[in-house]
Amino acid sequence: MTKHYDLVCFDLDGTLIEDDEGDVLWERMLIRIFGNKEFSDARYEEYKTGKIKFVEWVNIDLGEWRKASMTKKDVLEEAKNTILVPGAIETLEELRKRGFKLGLISGSVDTLLDAHGLRDYFDDIFINELIYDEDDKLSSWVVNPSGDRKDVALRKICEREGIPLERTVFVGDHLNDVAACKSAGLGIAFNSRVQELKDVSNVIIQEKDLRLILKHINGEEL
């Protein structure tokens, strides 16, 4: 069967992994530190209203993690509250078997990939990288170079891999996935409650089984 696409990129939170309570790792870590969601909610509101940029938001939050002497073990413990979306591993393995390049574009942190054994599935990763010292405490970090512009990350991956943008697929679930879904050759809104994302996507999948994307990528189900 002829392949219409060569690169499939995924969001992380809500697309490959999920939290039963709907929280993301950022929120869980700050709850661990402060005992409530007030700090997290306040930073999100500042970001949403344009008072702070994505890079500032990441630096503020991770600064609190470091100030509280958070370790990799602490991060991994909170990551245990997230689980893989049904069909995630099977879908990634099948796509690799079929010869697709895989990319991950996320505003989360790379330790979350390690918690679920996801890192090695991807050829290209855009995510915030955490650096731990010899005592496993968070010492520094590298902010995702594309910031919150997932469409920019998608274009950078295309340049790196020599793949035309029209031969790409992006799979996401949230508002910050809109630009990437709109830019990709095939945009898939997966398990999304965001109407703006559905409006720009070529395919909408409401069932929570990632394997359902396969038939839309090259016509073959798992």
N, C-alpha and C. Protein backbone atom coordinates (compact mmCIF):
# COMPACT_ATOMS: atom_id res chain seq x y z
N MET A 1 0.85 -1.19 0.00
CA MET A 1 0.00 0.00 0.00
C MET A 1 0.88 1.24 0.00
N THR A 2 0.53 2.25 -0.81
CA THR A 2 1.29 3.48 -0.91
C THR A 2 1.16 4.29 0.37
N LYS A 3 2.30 4.78 0.87
CA LYS A 3 2.29 5.64 2.04
C LYS A 3 2.05 7.07 1.62
N HIS A 4 1.11 7.73 2.27
CA HIS A 4 0.84 9.14 1.99
C HIS A 4 1.58 10.05 2.96
N TYR A 5 2.10 9.47 4.05
CA TYR A 5 2.78 10.24 5.07
C TYR A 5 4.07 9.54 5.48
N ASP A 6 5.02 10.32 5.96
CA ASP A 6 6.31 9.76 6.38
C ASP A 6 6.63 10.02 7.84
N LEU A 7 5.99 11.03 8.44
CA LEU A 7 6.28 11.45 9.80
C LEU A 7 4.99 11.57 10.59
N VAL A 8 4.96 10.96 11.78
CA VAL A 8 3.81 11.07 12.67
C VAL A 8 4.30 11.66 13.99
N CYS A 9 3.74 12.81 14.37
CA CYS A 9 4.12 13.48 15.62
C CYS A 9 2.97 13.46 16.62
N PHE A 10 3.33 13.30 17.87
CA PHE A 10 2.34 13.20 18.94
C PHE A 10 2.55 14.26 20.01
N ASP A 11 1.45 14.71 20.57
CA ASP A 11 1.44 15.40 21.86
C ASP A 11 1.62 14.31 22.93
N LEU A 12 1.90 14.70 24.17
CA LEU A 12 2.08 13.71 25.24
C LEU A 12 0.87 13.64 26.16
N ASP A 13 0.66 14.67 26.99
CA ASP A 13 -0.44 14.65 27.96
C ASP A 13 -1.79 14.64 27.26
N GLY A 14 -2.61 13.65 27.58
CA GLY A 14 -3.94 13.54 27.00
C GLY A 14 -3.98 12.79 25.69
N THR A 15 -2.81 12.58 25.10
CA THR A 15 -2.74 11.88 23.81
C THR A 15 -2.09 10.52 23.96
N LEU A 16 -0.91 10.49 24.56
CA LEU A 16 -0.22 9.21 24.83
C LEU A 16 -0.40 8.75 26.26
N ILE A 17 -0.53 9.71 27.19
CA ILE A 17 -0.75 9.38 28.60
C ILE A 17 -1.92 10.19 29.12
N GLU A 18 -2.48 9.74 30.23
CA GLU A 18 -3.59 10.47 30.84
C GLU A 18 -3.56 10.32 32.35
N ASP A 19 -4.25 11.22 33.02
CA ASP A 19 -4.38 11.22 34.47
C ASP A 19 -5.86 11.10 34.78
N ASP A 20 -6.23 10.15 35.64
CA ASP A 20 -7.63 9.92 35.94
C ASP A 20 -8.32 11.16 36.51
N GLU A 21 -7.54 12.01 37.20
CA GLU A 21 -8.11 13.21 37.81
C GLU A 21 -8.01 14.42 36.88
N GLY A 22 -7.43 14.21 35.70
CA GLY A 22 -7.34 15.29 34.74
C GLY A 22 -6.20 16.26 34.97
N ASP A 23 -5.33 15.97 35.93
CA ASP A 23 -4.19 16.84 36.21
C ASP A 23 -3.02 16.48 35.30
N VAL A 24 -2.09 17.41 35.17
CA VAL A 24 -0.84 17.12 34.47
C VAL A 24 0.28 17.15 35.50
N LEU A 25 1.45 16.69 35.09
CA LEU A 25 2.56 16.58 36.03
C LEU A 25 2.91 17.91 36.68
N TRP A 26 2.84 19.00 35.92
CA TRP A 26 3.12 20.33 36.48
C TRP A 26 2.24 20.57 37.72
N GLU A 27 0.96 20.28 37.58
CA GLU A 27 0.03 20.51 38.69
C GLU A 27 0.33 19.60 39.87
N ARG A 28 0.59 18.34 39.59
CA ARG A 28 0.83 17.39 40.67
C ARG A 28 2.11 17.74 41.47
N MET A 29 3.14 18.19 40.78
CA MET A 29 4.37 18.55 41.47
C MET A 29 4.17 19.77 42.37
N LEU A 30 3.41 20.74 41.90
CA LEU A 30 3.18 21.93 42.71
C LEU A 30 2.24 21.65 43.87
N ILE A 31 1.30 20.73 43.68
CA ILE A 31 0.46 20.29 44.80
C ILE A 31 1.33 19.59 45.84
N ARG A 32 2.29 18.81 45.39
CA ARG A 32 3.22 18.12 46.29
C ARG A 32 4.01 19.14 47.13
N ILE A 33 4.36 20.26 46.51
CA ILE A 33 5.16 21.27 47.19
C ILE A 33 4.31 22.17 48.09
N PHE A 34 3.19 22.68 47.55
CA PHE A 34 2.39 23.68 48.26
C PHE A 34 1.15 23.13 48.94
N GLY A 35 0.75 21.90 48.58
CA GLY A 35 -0.41 21.30 49.21
C GLY A 35 -1.74 21.67 48.57
N ASN A 36 -1.70 22.48 47.51
CA ASN A 36 -2.93 22.86 46.81
C ASN A 36 -2.58 23.28 45.38
N LYS A 37 -3.63 23.63 44.59
CA LYS A 37 -3.44 23.97 43.19
C LYS A 37 -3.38 25.48 42.95
N GLU A 38 -3.38 26.27 44.01
CA GLU A 38 -3.47 27.71 43.85
C GLU A 38 -2.28 28.29 43.07
N PHE A 39 -1.07 27.83 43.40
CA PHE A 39 0.12 28.35 42.72
C PHE A 39 0.05 27.98 41.23
N SER A 40 -0.29 26.74 40.96
CA SER A 40 -0.38 26.27 39.58
C SER A 40 -1.45 27.03 38.80
N ASP A 41 -2.61 27.20 39.41
CA ASP A 41 -3.71 27.90 38.75
C ASP A 41 -3.36 29.35 38.46
N ALA A 42 -2.65 29.98 39.40
CA ALA A 42 -2.28 31.38 39.23
C ALA A 42 -1.31 31.55 38.06
N ARG A 43 -0.33 30.64 37.95
CA ARG A 43 0.63 30.73 36.85
C ARG A 43 -0.06 30.50 35.51
N TYR A 44 -0.98 29.55 35.47
CA TYR A 44 -1.68 29.28 34.22
C TYR A 44 -2.50 30.49 33.78
N GLU A 45 -3.14 31.14 34.74
CA GLU A 45 -3.94 32.31 34.42
C GLU A 45 -3.06 33.43 33.87
N GLU A 46 -1.88 33.60 34.45
CA GLU A 46 -0.94 34.62 33.97
C GLU A 46 -0.49 34.30 32.54
N TYR A 47 -0.25 33.02 32.28
CA TYR A 47 0.16 32.60 30.94
C TYR A 47 -0.98 32.81 29.94
N LYS A 48 -2.17 32.39 30.32
CA LYS A 48 -3.33 32.46 29.43
C LYS A 48 -3.68 33.90 29.06
N THR A 49 -3.46 34.82 29.99
CA THR A 49 -3.79 36.23 29.75
C THR A 49 -2.61 37.01 29.17
N GLY A 50 -1.49 36.31 28.92
CA GLY A 50 -0.35 36.96 28.29
C GLY A 50 0.57 37.72 29.22
N LYS A 51 0.37 37.60 30.54
CA LYS A 51 1.23 38.30 31.49
C LYS A 51 2.62 37.69 31.55
N ILE A 52 2.71 36.40 31.31
CA ILE A 52 4.02 35.73 31.24
C ILE A 52 4.06 34.86 30.00
N LYS A 53 5.26 34.65 29.47
CA LYS A 53 5.47 33.79 28.31
C LYS A 53 5.68 32.35 28.78
N PHE A 54 5.62 31.43 27.83
CA PHE A 54 5.80 30.01 28.15
C PHE A 54 7.12 29.76 28.84
N VAL A 55 8.20 30.34 28.32
CA VAL A 55 9.53 30.13 28.92
C VAL A 55 9.57 30.61 30.37
N GLU A 56 8.95 31.76 30.64
CA GLU A 56 8.90 32.27 32.02
C GLU A 56 8.13 31.32 32.92
N TRP A 57 7.02 30.82 32.40
CA TRP A 57 6.17 29.90 33.16
C TRP A 57 6.97 28.65 33.56
N VAL A 58 7.65 28.05 32.58
CA VAL A 58 8.46 26.86 32.85
C VAL A 58 9.55 27.17 33.89
N ASN A 59 10.22 28.30 33.73
CA ASN A 59 11.30 28.65 34.65
C ASN A 59 10.79 28.91 36.07
N ILE A 60 9.63 29.54 36.18
CA ILE A 60 9.05 29.78 37.51
C ILE A 60 8.70 28.47 38.19
N ASP A 61 7.99 27.60 37.48
CA ASP A 61 7.57 26.33 38.07
C ASP A 61 8.76 25.45 38.45
N LEU A 62 9.70 25.29 37.51
CA LEU A 62 10.85 24.44 37.81
C LEU A 62 11.74 25.06 38.87
N GLY A 63 11.72 26.38 38.97
CA GLY A 63 12.44 27.05 40.06
C GLY A 63 11.88 26.65 41.41
N GLU A 64 10.57 26.49 41.48
CA GLU A 64 9.93 26.03 42.72
C GLU A 64 10.30 24.58 43.01
N TRP A 65 10.36 23.77 41.97
CA TRP A 65 10.77 22.37 42.15
C TRP A 65 12.17 22.33 42.75
N ARG A 66 13.07 23.10 42.18
CA ARG A 66 14.46 23.09 42.65
C ARG A 66 14.56 23.64 44.07
N LYS A 67 13.83 24.71 44.35
CA LYS A 67 13.85 25.31 45.68
C LYS A 67 13.38 24.31 46.74
N ALA A 68 12.44 23.45 46.35
CA ALA A 68 11.91 22.44 47.28
C ALA A 68 12.74 21.16 47.28
N SER A 69 13.90 21.19 46.58
CA SER A 69 14.81 20.03 46.52
C SER A 69 14.15 18.78 45.96
N MET A 70 13.32 18.96 44.95
CA MET A 70 12.68 17.82 44.32
C MET A 70 13.73 16.95 43.60
N THR A 71 13.55 15.64 43.73
CA THR A 71 14.47 14.68 43.12
C THR A 71 13.80 13.97 41.95
N LYS A 72 14.60 13.23 41.21
CA LYS A 72 14.02 12.45 40.11
C LYS A 72 13.02 11.43 40.66
N LYS A 73 13.31 10.90 41.85
CA LYS A 73 12.39 9.95 42.47
C LYS A 73 11.05 10.62 42.74
N ASP A 74 11.08 11.87 43.21
CA ASP A 74 9.83 12.60 43.47
C ASP A 74 9.03 12.77 42.19
N VAL A 75 9.71 13.14 41.12
CA VAL A 75 9.04 13.35 39.84
C VAL A 75 8.44 12.04 39.33
N LEU A 76 9.21 10.96 39.44
CA LEU A 76 8.72 9.66 38.98
C LEU A 76 7.53 9.18 39.81
N GLU A 77 7.54 9.49 41.12
CA GLU A 77 6.41 9.11 41.98
C GLU A 77 5.13 9.81 41.53
N GLU A 78 5.23 11.09 41.20
CA GLU A 78 4.06 11.81 40.73
C GLU A 78 3.64 11.33 39.34
N ALA A 79 4.63 10.94 38.55
CA ALA A 79 4.33 10.45 37.19
C ALA A 79 3.54 9.15 37.23
N LYS A 80 3.63 8.41 38.34
CA LYS A 80 2.89 7.16 38.47
C LYS A 80 1.38 7.37 38.45
N ASN A 81 0.96 8.62 38.69
CA ASN A 81 -0.47 8.92 38.65
C ASN A 81 -1.00 8.99 37.23
N THR A 82 -0.08 8.98 36.25
CA THR A 82 -0.49 8.97 34.85
C THR A 82 -0.36 7.55 34.30
N ILE A 83 -1.20 7.24 33.34
CA ILE A 83 -1.15 5.92 32.71
C ILE A 83 -1.13 6.10 31.19
N LEU A 84 -0.64 5.10 30.51
CA LEU A 84 -0.66 5.12 29.06
C LEU A 84 -2.08 5.02 28.54
N VAL A 85 -2.38 5.78 27.52
CA VAL A 85 -3.69 5.68 26.87
C VAL A 85 -3.80 4.30 26.22
N PRO A 86 -4.97 3.66 26.25
CA PRO A 86 -5.11 2.35 25.62
C PRO A 86 -4.62 2.36 24.17
N GLY A 87 -3.81 1.37 23.84
CA GLY A 87 -3.31 1.23 22.48
C GLY A 87 -2.08 2.06 22.16
N ALA A 88 -1.55 2.80 23.14
CA ALA A 88 -0.42 3.70 22.86
C ALA A 88 0.82 2.94 22.38
N ILE A 89 1.24 1.96 23.15
CA ILE A 89 2.47 1.22 22.80
C ILE A 89 2.27 0.45 21.50
N GLU A 90 1.13 -0.20 21.35
CA GLU A 90 0.87 -0.97 20.13
C GLU A 90 0.90 -0.06 18.90
N THR A 91 0.37 1.14 19.04
CA THR A 91 0.35 2.08 17.91
C THR A 91 1.75 2.55 17.55
N LEU A 92 2.55 2.91 18.54
CA LEU A 92 3.92 3.36 18.28
C LEU A 92 4.75 2.24 17.65
N GLU A 93 4.59 1.03 18.17
CA GLU A 93 5.34 -0.10 17.62
C GLU A 93 4.92 -0.39 16.17
N GLU A 94 3.63 -0.31 15.90
CA GLU A 94 3.14 -0.59 14.56
C GLU A 94 3.62 0.47 13.56
N LEU A 95 3.59 1.72 13.97
CA LEU A 95 4.05 2.79 13.09
C LEU A 95 5.54 2.66 12.77
N ARG A 96 6.32 2.30 13.76
CA ARG A 96 7.76 2.09 13.52
C ARG A 96 7.96 0.90 12.58
N LYS A 97 7.18 -0.16 12.79
CA LYS A 97 7.29 -1.34 11.94
C LYS A 97 6.96 -1.00 10.49
N ARG A 98 6.05 -0.07 10.29
CA ARG A 98 5.65 0.33 8.95
C ARG A 98 6.59 1.37 8.34
N GLY A 99 7.62 1.75 9.08
CA GLY A 99 8.65 2.63 8.53
C GLY A 99 8.44 4.12 8.70
N PHE A 100 7.52 4.52 9.56
CA PHE A 100 7.29 5.94 9.80
C PHE A 100 8.34 6.51 10.75
N LYS A 101 8.72 7.76 10.52
CA LYS A 101 9.48 8.51 11.51
C LYS A 101 8.49 8.99 12.56
N LEU A 102 8.91 8.98 13.83
CA LEU A 102 8.01 9.39 14.91
C LEU A 102 8.59 10.58 15.66
N GLY A 103 7.74 11.53 15.99
CA GLY A 103 8.16 12.69 16.75
C GLY A 103 7.25 12.92 17.94
N LEU A 104 7.82 13.54 18.98
CA LEU A 104 7.03 13.91 20.16
C LEU A 104 7.24 15.39 20.41
N ILE A 105 6.14 16.13 20.56
CA ILE A 105 6.20 17.56 20.80
C ILE A 105 5.32 17.87 22.00
N SER A 106 5.93 18.30 23.11
CA SER A 106 5.19 18.43 24.35
C SER A 106 5.70 19.58 25.21
N GLY A 107 4.81 20.15 25.99
CA GLY A 107 5.19 21.17 26.95
C GLY A 107 5.51 20.59 28.31
N SER A 108 5.55 19.27 28.41
CA SER A 108 5.83 18.60 29.68
C SER A 108 7.34 18.42 29.86
N VAL A 109 7.74 17.47 30.69
CA VAL A 109 9.16 17.24 30.99
C VAL A 109 9.57 15.82 30.60
N ASP A 110 10.85 15.67 30.26
CA ASP A 110 11.31 14.39 29.71
C ASP A 110 11.30 13.24 30.71
N THR A 111 11.33 13.52 32.00
CA THR A 111 11.28 12.43 32.99
C THR A 111 9.99 11.64 32.86
N LEU A 112 8.94 12.30 32.37
CA LEU A 112 7.66 11.63 32.16
C LEU A 112 7.79 10.57 31.07
N LEU A 113 8.63 10.80 30.08
CA LEU A 113 8.88 9.79 29.05
C LEU A 113 9.55 8.56 29.67
N ASP A 114 10.51 8.81 30.55
CA ASP A 114 11.22 7.70 31.20
C ASP A 114 10.29 6.89 32.09
N ALA A 115 9.34 7.56 32.71
CA ALA A 115 8.40 6.87 33.60
C ALA A 115 7.57 5.84 32.86
N HIS A 116 7.34 6.08 31.58
CA HIS A 116 6.49 5.18 30.79
C HIS A 116 7.27 4.44 29.70
N GLY A 117 8.60 4.57 29.70
CA GLY A 117 9.41 3.85 28.72
C GLY A 117 9.14 4.27 27.29
N LEU A 118 8.88 5.56 27.08
CA LEU A 118 8.48 6.05 25.75
C LEU A 118 9.62 6.64 24.92
N ARG A 119 10.69 7.04 25.57
CA ARG A 119 11.72 7.83 24.89
C ARG A 119 12.25 7.17 23.61
N ASP A 120 12.53 5.90 23.66
CA ASP A 120 13.20 5.24 22.54
C ASP A 120 12.32 5.02 21.32
N TYR A 121 11.03 5.29 21.44
CA TYR A 121 10.15 5.13 20.28
C TYR A 121 10.29 6.28 19.28
N PHE A 122 10.86 7.41 19.75
CA PHE A 122 10.82 8.62 18.94
C PHE A 122 12.17 8.97 18.32
N ASP A 123 12.09 9.39 17.05
CA ASP A 123 13.28 9.86 16.34
C ASP A 123 13.60 11.31 16.70
N ASP A 124 12.57 12.10 16.99
CA ASP A 124 12.74 13.51 17.31
C ASP A 124 11.86 13.87 18.50
N ILE A 125 12.44 14.57 19.47
CA ILE A 125 11.70 14.93 20.68
C ILE A 125 11.89 16.42 20.98
N PHE A 126 10.77 17.12 21.16
CA PHE A 126 10.78 18.50 21.62
C PHE A 126 10.03 18.52 22.95
N ILE A 127 10.77 18.69 24.04
CA ILE A 127 10.19 18.64 25.38
C ILE A 127 11.16 19.34 26.33
N ASN A 128 10.69 19.74 27.50
CA ASN A 128 11.57 20.36 28.49
C ASN A 128 12.43 19.27 29.14
N GLU A 129 13.74 19.49 29.17
CA GLU A 129 14.67 18.49 29.69
C GLU A 129 15.12 18.85 31.11
N LEU A 130 14.99 17.89 32.01
CA LEU A 130 15.41 18.09 33.40
C LEU A 130 16.81 17.52 33.61
N ILE A 131 17.62 18.23 34.38
CA ILE A 131 18.98 17.79 34.68
C ILE A 131 19.11 17.64 36.19
N TYR A 132 19.57 16.47 36.61
CA TYR A 132 19.68 16.16 38.03
C TYR A 132 21.15 16.08 38.44
N ASP A 133 21.43 16.43 39.71
CA ASP A 133 22.81 16.37 40.18
C ASP A 133 23.16 14.97 40.69
N GLU A 134 24.33 14.84 41.30
CA GLU A 134 24.79 13.52 41.75
C GLU A 134 23.92 12.93 42.85
N ASP A 135 23.14 13.79 43.52
CA ASP A 135 22.22 13.31 44.56
C ASP A 135 20.81 13.12 44.01
N ASP A 136 20.68 13.21 42.67
CA ASP A 136 19.40 13.03 41.98
C ASP A 136 18.44 14.19 42.20
N LYS A 137 18.95 15.33 42.72
CA LYS A 137 18.10 16.50 42.89
C LYS A 137 18.08 17.32 41.61
N LEU A 138 16.95 17.94 41.34
CA LEU A 138 16.86 18.79 40.16
C LEU A 138 17.84 19.95 40.31
N SER A 139 18.73 20.09 39.35
CA SER A 139 19.74 21.15 39.43
C SER A 139 19.54 22.22 38.37
N SER A 140 19.09 21.81 37.17
CA SER A 140 18.87 22.77 36.09
C SER A 140 17.96 22.13 35.05
N TRP A 141 17.72 22.87 33.98
CA TRP A 141 16.81 22.36 32.95
C TRP A 141 17.07 23.10 31.65
N VAL A 142 16.58 22.49 30.57
CA VAL A 142 16.64 23.10 29.25
C VAL A 142 15.21 23.21 28.74
N VAL A 143 14.76 24.43 28.54
CA VAL A 143 13.38 24.64 28.10
C VAL A 143 13.23 24.20 26.64
N ASN A 144 12.12 23.56 26.34
CA ASN A 144 11.79 23.17 24.97
C ASN A 144 12.12 24.33 24.02
N PRO A 145 13.03 24.11 23.06
CA PRO A 145 13.46 25.22 22.20
C PRO A 145 12.36 25.84 21.34
N SER A 146 11.27 25.12 21.13
CA SER A 146 10.16 25.69 20.36
C SER A 146 9.13 26.36 21.26
N GLY A 147 9.37 26.33 22.58
CA GLY A 147 8.43 26.92 23.51
C GLY A 147 7.07 26.26 23.41
N ASP A 148 6.03 27.08 23.32
CA ASP A 148 4.68 26.52 23.20
C ASP A 148 4.21 26.49 21.74
N ARG A 149 5.12 26.72 20.81
CA ARG A 149 4.79 26.71 19.38
C ARG A 149 5.04 25.32 18.80
N LYS A 150 4.06 24.45 18.94
CA LYS A 150 4.22 23.08 18.45
C LYS A 150 4.31 23.04 16.92
N ASP A 151 3.71 24.01 16.26
CA ASP A 151 3.82 24.07 14.81
C ASP A 151 5.26 24.38 14.38
N VAL A 152 5.95 25.20 15.17
CA VAL A 152 7.36 25.50 14.89
C VAL A 152 8.20 24.24 15.07
N ALA A 153 7.94 23.48 16.15
CA ALA A 153 8.66 22.23 16.38
C ALA A 153 8.43 21.25 15.24
N LEU A 154 7.20 21.18 14.76
CA LEU A 154 6.87 20.28 13.65
C LEU A 154 7.68 20.65 12.41
N ARG A 155 7.77 21.93 12.12
CA ARG A 155 8.54 22.38 10.96
C ARG A 155 10.03 22.09 11.12
N LYS A 156 10.54 22.23 12.34
CA LYS A 156 11.95 21.95 12.59
C LYS A 156 12.26 20.47 12.39
N ILE A 157 11.33 19.62 12.83
CA ILE A 157 11.52 18.18 12.62
C ILE A 157 11.51 17.86 11.13
N CYS A 158 10.62 18.49 10.40
CA CYS A 158 10.56 18.28 8.94
C CYS A 158 11.88 18.67 8.28
N GLU A 159 12.44 19.78 8.70
CA GLU A 159 13.72 20.23 8.15
C GLU A 159 14.83 19.24 8.49
N ARG A 160 14.83 18.78 9.72
CA ARG A 160 15.85 17.84 10.18
C ARG A 160 15.77 16.51 9.45
N GLU A 161 14.56 16.04 9.20
CA GLU A 161 14.36 14.73 8.58
C GLU A 161 14.23 14.79 7.06
N GLY A 162 14.13 16.01 6.52
CA GLY A 162 13.97 16.15 5.07
C GLY A 162 12.62 15.67 4.58
N ILE A 163 11.58 15.96 5.36
CA ILE A 163 10.22 15.51 5.03
C ILE A 163 9.33 16.72 4.79
N PRO A 164 8.62 16.76 3.67
CA PRO A 164 7.70 17.88 3.41
C PRO A 164 6.59 17.94 4.45
N LEU A 165 6.17 19.13 4.80
CA LEU A 165 5.14 19.31 5.82
C LEU A 165 3.85 18.58 5.46
N GLU A 166 3.55 18.53 4.17
CA GLU A 166 2.29 17.89 3.75
C GLU A 166 2.32 16.37 3.93
N ARG A 167 3.49 15.81 4.22
CA ARG A 167 3.60 14.36 4.44
C ARG A 167 3.74 14.04 5.93
N THR A 168 3.18 14.93 6.76
CA THR A 168 3.24 14.73 8.20
C THR A 168 1.84 14.55 8.79
N VAL A 169 1.83 13.89 9.95
CA VAL A 169 0.59 13.72 10.73
C VAL A 169 0.87 14.28 12.12
N PHE A 170 -0.09 15.01 12.67
CA PHE A 170 0.03 15.43 14.07
C PHE A 170 -1.20 14.97 14.82
N VAL A 171 -0.96 14.39 16.01
CA VAL A 171 -2.05 13.87 16.85
C VAL A 171 -2.02 14.59 18.19
N GLY A 172 -3.11 15.25 18.53
CA GLY A 172 -3.16 15.98 19.79
C GLY A 172 -4.56 16.05 20.35
N ASP A 173 -4.67 16.68 21.54
CA ASP A 173 -5.98 16.71 22.19
C ASP A 173 -6.36 18.07 22.77
N HIS A 174 -5.40 19.01 22.82
CA HIS A 174 -5.66 20.23 23.60
C HIS A 174 -5.56 21.48 22.73
N LEU A 175 -5.86 22.62 23.35
CA LEU A 175 -5.85 23.89 22.65
C LEU A 175 -4.47 24.22 22.07
N ASN A 176 -3.41 23.84 22.82
CA ASN A 176 -2.06 24.16 22.33
C ASN A 176 -1.61 23.24 21.19
N ASP A 177 -2.49 22.36 20.73
CA ASP A 177 -2.20 21.50 19.59
C ASP A 177 -2.81 22.01 18.29
N VAL A 178 -3.59 23.09 18.39
CA VAL A 178 -4.33 23.58 17.22
C VAL A 178 -3.41 23.95 16.07
N ALA A 179 -2.37 24.75 16.34
CA ALA A 179 -1.48 25.23 15.27
C ALA A 179 -0.77 24.07 14.57
N ALA A 180 -0.31 23.09 15.35
CA ALA A 180 0.39 21.94 14.76
C ALA A 180 -0.56 21.09 13.92
N CYS A 181 -1.78 20.87 14.42
CA CYS A 181 -2.77 20.10 13.66
C CYS A 181 -3.13 20.81 12.36
N LYS A 182 -3.21 22.12 12.44
CA LYS A 182 -3.55 22.91 11.26
C LYS A 182 -2.42 22.89 10.24
N SER A 183 -1.17 22.81 10.71
CA SER A 183 -0.01 22.86 9.82
C SER A 183 0.29 21.51 9.17
N ALA A 184 -0.02 20.43 9.85
CA ALA A 184 0.33 19.09 9.36
C ALA A 184 -0.49 18.71 8.13
N GLY A 185 0.04 17.75 7.37
CA GLY A 185 -0.71 17.23 6.23
C GLY A 185 -1.99 16.57 6.66
N LEU A 186 -1.96 15.93 7.83
CA LEU A 186 -3.14 15.29 8.42
C LEU A 186 -3.17 15.62 9.90
N GLY A 187 -4.19 16.33 10.33
CA GLY A 187 -4.35 16.66 11.75
C GLY A 187 -5.40 15.78 12.37
N ILE A 188 -5.04 15.14 13.49
CA ILE A 188 -5.98 14.23 14.17
C ILE A 188 -6.25 14.74 15.58
N ALA A 189 -7.51 15.04 15.86
CA ALA A 189 -7.93 15.39 17.22
C ALA A 189 -8.31 14.10 17.92
N PHE A 190 -7.54 13.75 18.94
CA PHE A 190 -7.75 12.47 19.62
C PHE A 190 -8.29 12.68 21.03
N ASN A 191 -9.44 12.10 21.32
CA ASN A 191 -10.03 12.13 22.66
C ASN A 191 -10.06 13.57 23.19
N SER A 192 -10.48 14.49 22.33
CA SER A 192 -10.41 15.92 22.67
C SER A 192 -11.77 16.49 23.04
N ARG A 193 -11.73 17.44 23.99
CA ARG A 193 -12.93 18.18 24.36
C ARG A 193 -12.87 19.61 23.83
N VAL A 194 -11.86 19.90 23.03
CA VAL A 194 -11.61 21.27 22.57
C VAL A 194 -12.17 21.46 21.17
N GLN A 195 -13.20 22.27 21.07
CA GLN A 195 -13.86 22.46 19.78
C GLN A 195 -12.93 23.14 18.77
N GLU A 196 -12.08 24.07 19.24
CA GLU A 196 -11.16 24.74 18.32
C GLU A 196 -10.23 23.76 17.63
N LEU A 197 -9.82 22.72 18.36
CA LEU A 197 -8.96 21.69 17.77
C LEU A 197 -9.74 20.85 16.76
N LYS A 198 -10.93 20.47 17.12
CA LYS A 198 -11.76 19.67 16.22
C LYS A 198 -12.04 20.43 14.92
N ASP A 199 -12.21 21.73 15.03
CA ASP A 199 -12.54 22.55 13.86
C ASP A 199 -11.43 22.57 12.82
N VAL A 200 -10.17 22.42 13.25
CA VAL A 200 -9.05 22.49 12.30
C VAL A 200 -8.50 21.12 11.94
N SER A 201 -9.01 20.06 12.56
CA SER A 201 -8.49 18.71 12.34
C SER A 201 -9.18 18.03 11.18
N ASN A 202 -8.43 17.19 10.49
CA ASN A 202 -9.01 16.40 9.38
C ASN A 202 -9.78 15.20 9.89
N VAL A 203 -9.34 14.69 11.05
CA VAL A 203 -9.95 13.49 11.62
C VAL A 203 -10.22 13.75 13.10
N ILE A 204 -11.39 13.33 13.57
CA ILE A 204 -11.74 13.45 14.98
C ILE A 204 -12.04 12.06 15.52
N ILE A 205 -11.30 11.66 16.55
CA ILE A 205 -11.50 10.35 17.18
C ILE A 205 -11.87 10.57 18.64
N GLN A 206 -13.07 10.21 19.01
CA GLN A 206 -13.53 10.41 20.38
C GLN A 206 -13.29 9.19 21.27
N GLU A 207 -13.20 8.01 20.65
CA GLU A 207 -12.93 6.80 21.43
C GLU A 207 -11.50 6.83 21.97
N LYS A 208 -11.33 6.36 23.18
CA LYS A 208 -10.01 6.41 23.81
C LYS A 208 -9.21 5.15 23.50
N ASP A 209 -8.84 5.00 22.22
CA ASP A 209 -8.01 3.89 21.78
C ASP A 209 -7.12 4.42 20.65
N LEU A 210 -5.85 4.61 20.94
CA LEU A 210 -4.96 5.25 19.97
C LEU A 210 -4.80 4.44 18.69
N ARG A 211 -5.06 3.14 18.75
CA ARG A 211 -4.94 2.30 17.56
C ARG A 211 -5.88 2.75 16.44
N LEU A 212 -6.91 3.49 16.79
CA LEU A 212 -7.89 3.94 15.80
C LEU A 212 -7.31 4.97 14.82
N ILE A 213 -6.15 5.54 15.15
CA ILE A 213 -5.55 6.51 14.22
C ILE A 213 -4.92 5.80 13.02
N LEU A 214 -4.57 4.52 13.17
CA LEU A 214 -3.79 3.82 12.14
C LEU A 214 -4.50 3.77 10.80
N LYS A 215 -5.79 3.52 10.80
CA LYS A 215 -6.51 3.40 9.53
C LYS A 215 -6.58 4.72 8.79
N HIS A 216 -6.42 5.83 9.50
CA HIS A 216 -6.47 7.14 8.87
C HIS A 216 -5.11 7.55 8.31
N ILE A 217 -4.06 6.90 8.81
CA ILE A 217 -2.71 7.28 8.37
C ILE A 217 -2.33 6.57 7.08
N ASN A 218 -2.58 5.28 7.00
CA ASN A 218 -2.31 4.61 5.71
C ASN A 218 -3.31 3.51 5.39
N GLY A 219 -4.49 3.65 5.98
CA GLY A 219 -5.61 2.78 5.59
C GLY A 219 -5.60 1.39 6.18
N GLU A 220 -4.66 1.08 7.07
CA GLU A 220 -4.60 -0.25 7.65
C GLU A 220 -4.80 -0.18 9.15
N GLU A 221 -5.70 -0.98 9.66
CA GLU A 221 -5.91 -1.06 11.11
C GLU A 221 -4.94 -2.09 11.69
N LEU A 222 -4.79 -2.02 13.00
CA LEU A 222 -3.91 -2.98 13.68
C LEU A 222 -4.65 -4.30 13.88
